[in-house]
């Protein structure tokens, strides 16, 4: 089975940085897109960023572009999200997800809490 496990969340002050990780297992992700979503209390889950597992192409939501960087370590089957210049509105549970090209986001982790204080 595909398993996605997030880690690295925590409390950080506004303007600070944090890196969250997602360990992926159970499948070869050659033709997959891996991504990050987030959900704040009372709000819908929203897309943050994605990366093609094989060619490394990336995409970002406008709200995080220039502040967040998605990356991966194929040898470790690990996805990362480096978050800089954090704002209180970035506070959310951050989830990693996976989708094969041409299909919907199918696999999800359990999430890791990121809290940005002012």
Protein backbone atom coordinates (compact mmCIF):
# COMPACT_ATOMS: atom_id res chain seq x y z
CA UNK A 1 0.00 0.00 0.00
CA UNK A 2 1.05 3.58 -0.62
CA UNK A 3 1.97 5.30 2.61
CA UNK A 4 2.68 9.00 3.08
CA UNK A 5 3.92 10.20 6.46
CA UNK A 6 4.47 13.88 7.21
CA UNK A 7 6.81 15.25 9.85
CA UNK A 8 8.57 18.45 10.85
CA UNK A 9 5.66 20.65 11.83
CA UNK A 10 5.84 22.93 14.82
CA UNK A 11 5.58 26.44 16.18
CA UNK A 12 7.46 29.29 14.53
CA UNK A 13 7.35 33.07 14.79
CA UNK A 14 6.15 35.21 11.91
CA UNK A 15 9.00 35.82 9.50
CA UNK A 16 10.67 32.57 10.45
CA UNK A 17 11.26 29.35 8.54
CA UNK A 18 10.28 25.72 8.82
CA UNK A 19 10.74 22.61 6.69
CA UNK A 20 8.19 19.83 6.63
CA UNK A 21 8.89 16.38 5.21
CA UNK A 22 6.86 13.56 3.71
CA UNK A 23 8.19 10.01 3.60
CA UNK A 24 6.64 8.06 0.73
CA UNK A 25 6.61 4.29 0.41
CA UNK A 26 4.78 1.35 -1.15
CA UNK A 27 5.15 2.24 -4.82
CA UNK A 28 7.46 3.45 -7.54
CA UNK A 29 6.54 7.09 -8.12
CA UNK A 30 8.12 7.53 -11.55
CA UNK A 31 4.95 8.77 -13.23
CA UNK A 32 3.52 10.58 -10.21
CA UNK A 33 3.01 14.12 -9.08
CA UNK A 34 3.67 14.69 -5.38
CA UNK A 35 2.27 17.73 -3.64
CA UNK A 36 1.45 19.67 -0.51
CA UNK A 37 -1.95 20.87 0.64
CA UNK A 38 -2.98 22.68 3.79
CA UNK A 39 -6.13 23.12 5.81
CA UNK A 40 -6.84 25.73 8.46
CA UNK A 41 -9.64 25.25 11.02
CA UNK A 42 -13.05 25.89 9.47
CA UNK A 43 -11.63 26.26 5.97
CA UNK A 44 -11.38 24.08 2.89
CA UNK A 45 -8.23 22.18 2.11
CA UNK A 46 -6.18 24.16 -0.40
CA UNK A 47 -3.39 23.37 -2.81
CA UNK A 48 0.06 24.68 -1.91
CA UNK A 49 2.64 23.19 -4.27
CA UNK A 50 3.48 20.18 -6.41
CA UNK A 51 6.46 18.52 -8.07
CA UNK A 52 6.88 15.92 -10.78
CA UNK A 53 8.70 13.02 -9.17
CA UNK A 54 10.83 12.23 -12.20
CA UNK A 55 11.58 15.51 -14.00
CA UNK A 56 11.40 17.87 -11.02
CA UNK A 57 9.06 20.43 -12.54
CA UNK A 58 7.24 22.48 -9.90
CA UNK A 59 4.08 24.49 -9.42
CA UNK A 60 3.05 26.86 -6.61
CA UNK A 61 -0.07 28.54 -5.38
CA UNK A 62 0.11 32.31 -5.76
CA UNK A 63 -0.19 32.74 -1.99
CA UNK A 64 3.13 30.97 -1.34
CA UNK A 65 5.11 31.61 -4.51
CA UNK A 66 8.47 33.16 -3.69
CA UNK A 67 8.31 32.07 -0.04
CA UNK A 68 7.95 28.28 -0.20
CA UNK A 69 10.11 25.78 -2.07
CA UNK A 70 9.11 22.21 -2.83
CA UNK A 71 11.84 19.63 -3.33
CA UNK A 72 12.46 15.91 -3.23
CA UNK A 73 15.08 13.28 -2.54
CA UNK A 74 14.33 10.36 -4.83
CA UNK A 75 16.88 8.09 -3.15
CA UNK A 76 15.14 8.58 0.19
CA UNK A 77 11.61 8.68 -1.28
CA UNK A 78 11.09 11.90 0.63
CA UNK A 79 9.25 15.09 -0.28
CA UNK A 80 10.02 18.43 1.37
CA UNK A 81 8.44 21.82 1.71
CA UNK A 82 10.76 24.62 2.80
CA UNK A 83 8.68 27.49 4.18
CA UNK A 84 10.30 30.90 4.57
CA UNK A 85 8.94 34.31 5.56
CA UNK A 86 6.08 32.59 7.34
CA UNK A 87 2.90 34.50 8.11
CA UNK A 88 0.18 33.78 10.69
CA UNK A 89 -2.17 32.98 7.80
CA UNK A 90 0.11 30.06 6.90
CA UNK A 91 -1.05 28.33 10.09
CA UNK A 92 -2.66 25.03 9.08
CA UNK A 93 -2.30 21.29 9.01
CA UNK A 94 -0.04 20.49 6.07
CA UNK A 95 -0.70 17.31 4.09
CA UNK A 96 1.31 15.60 1.40
CA UNK A 97 -0.48 13.86 -1.44
CA UNK A 98 0.25 11.83 -4.56
CA UNK A 99 -1.41 11.50 -7.95
CA UNK A 100 -0.52 9.58 -11.05
CA UNK A 101 -0.47 11.78 -14.15
CA UNK A 102 -3.96 12.12 -15.59
CA UNK A 103 -5.80 11.28 -12.36
CA UNK A 104 -6.95 12.95 -9.18
CA UNK A 105 -5.06 13.25 -5.89
CA UNK A 106 -5.57 9.77 -4.52
CA UNK A 107 -3.11 9.18 -1.70
CA UNK A 108 -2.85 11.35 1.39
CA UNK A 109 -0.81 11.55 4.55
CA UNK A 110 -2.21 12.29 7.99
CA UNK A 111 -0.81 15.80 8.17
CA UNK A 112 1.53 17.80 10.35
CA UNK A 113 0.57 20.96 12.24
CA UNK A 114 2.32 24.22 11.42
CA UNK A 115 1.56 27.17 13.68
CA UNK A 116 2.89 30.66 12.98
CA UNK A 117 2.69 33.11 15.86
CA UNK A 118 2.63 36.89 15.58
